[in-house]
Amino acid sequence: MPASREEPRRRVIVEPGGPILVEGPVELSLADGTTVHCDRFMVAICACRRSKRYPLCDTSHRRKVRQNPDS
């Protein structure tokens, strides 16, 4: 019986109100069948779905709608 090789664990960090950070490199499989490859050492995955680069975070979660003080 061959020796089993344990896969290295990836660290995933869930940022409150922000992205999900995953130690890279990663391959993301999307619901539409496409695959996104990212070779960065830390990958920010969008959790708010506002990113124009979805599934990768573009910090859209930081944008706030300005309240008009005259209304």
Protein backbone atom coordinates (compact mmCIF):
# COMPACT_ATOMS: atom_id res chain seq x y z
CA MET A 1 0.00 0.00 0.00
CA PRO A 2 1.55 3.37 -1.03
CA ALA A 3 2.21 5.94 1.64
CA SER A 4 -0.55 8.54 1.73
CA ARG A 5 0.58 12.07 1.09
CA GLU A 6 -1.24 14.68 3.08
CA GLU A 7 -2.11 17.87 1.19
CA PRO A 8 -0.77 21.06 2.77
CA ARG A 9 -3.46 23.09 4.53
CA ARG A 10 -4.34 26.55 3.27
CA ARG A 11 -5.07 29.32 5.69
CA VAL A 12 -8.36 31.17 5.08
CA ILE A 13 -9.06 34.45 6.86
CA VAL A 14 -12.58 35.87 6.91
CA GLU A 15 -12.40 39.65 7.32
CA PRO A 16 -15.52 41.16 8.94
CA GLY A 17 -17.14 43.40 6.34
CA GLY A 18 -14.37 42.62 3.88
CA PRO A 19 -12.98 39.90 1.64
CA ILE A 20 -12.07 36.31 2.35
CA LEU A 21 -8.28 36.01 2.31
CA VAL A 22 -6.76 32.73 1.14
CA GLU A 23 -3.09 31.86 1.07
CA GLY A 24 -2.24 31.36 -2.60
CA PRO A 25 -1.72 30.28 -5.20
CA VAL A 26 -5.35 29.29 -5.77
CA GLU A 27 -7.68 28.05 -8.48
CA LEU A 28 -11.28 29.25 -8.15
CA SER A 29 -14.08 27.32 -9.86
CA LEU A 30 -17.14 29.47 -10.49
CA ALA A 31 -20.79 28.44 -10.82
CA ASP A 32 -20.79 29.25 -14.55
CA GLY A 33 -18.01 26.72 -15.15
CA THR A 34 -15.17 29.21 -15.56
CA THR A 35 -11.94 28.90 -13.62
CA VAL A 36 -9.82 31.73 -12.24
CA HIS A 37 -6.14 31.12 -11.48
CA CYS A 38 -4.26 33.43 -9.15
CA ASP A 39 -0.58 33.00 -8.27
CA ARG A 40 -0.37 35.65 -5.54
CA PHE A 41 0.83 34.66 -2.07
CA MET A 42 -2.45 35.98 -0.58
CA VAL A 43 -5.67 36.15 -2.60
CA ALA A 44 -8.64 38.36 -1.62
CA ILE A 45 -11.93 36.76 -2.65
CA CYS A 46 -14.95 39.06 -2.81
CA ALA A 47 -17.65 38.30 -0.24
CA CYS A 48 -19.97 41.26 -0.97
CA ARG A 49 -20.36 40.62 -4.75
CA ARG A 50 -19.80 44.34 -5.50
CA SER A 51 -16.40 43.81 -7.09
CA LYS A 52 -15.99 44.62 -10.76
CA ARG A 53 -13.28 41.94 -10.76
CA TYR A 54 -15.48 39.27 -9.10
CA PRO A 55 -14.59 36.73 -7.74
CA LEU A 56 -11.48 38.72 -6.79
CA CYS A 57 -11.88 41.66 -4.42
CA ASP A 58 -11.33 45.20 -5.73
CA THR A 59 -12.14 46.86 -2.35
CA SER A 60 -15.66 47.86 -3.46
CA HIS A 61 -16.84 46.88 0.03
CA ARG A 62 -15.09 50.02 1.34
CA ARG A 63 -17.18 52.43 -0.74
CA LYS A 64 -19.96 54.17 1.09
CA VAL A 65 -22.89 56.02 -0.36
CA ARG A 66 -22.72 59.70 0.51
CA GLN A 67 -25.73 61.02 2.31
CA ASN A 68 -26.91 64.38 0.98
CA PRO A 69 -27.05 66.71 4.04
CA ASP A 70 -29.55 68.96 2.22
CA SER A 71 -32.26 66.26 2.03
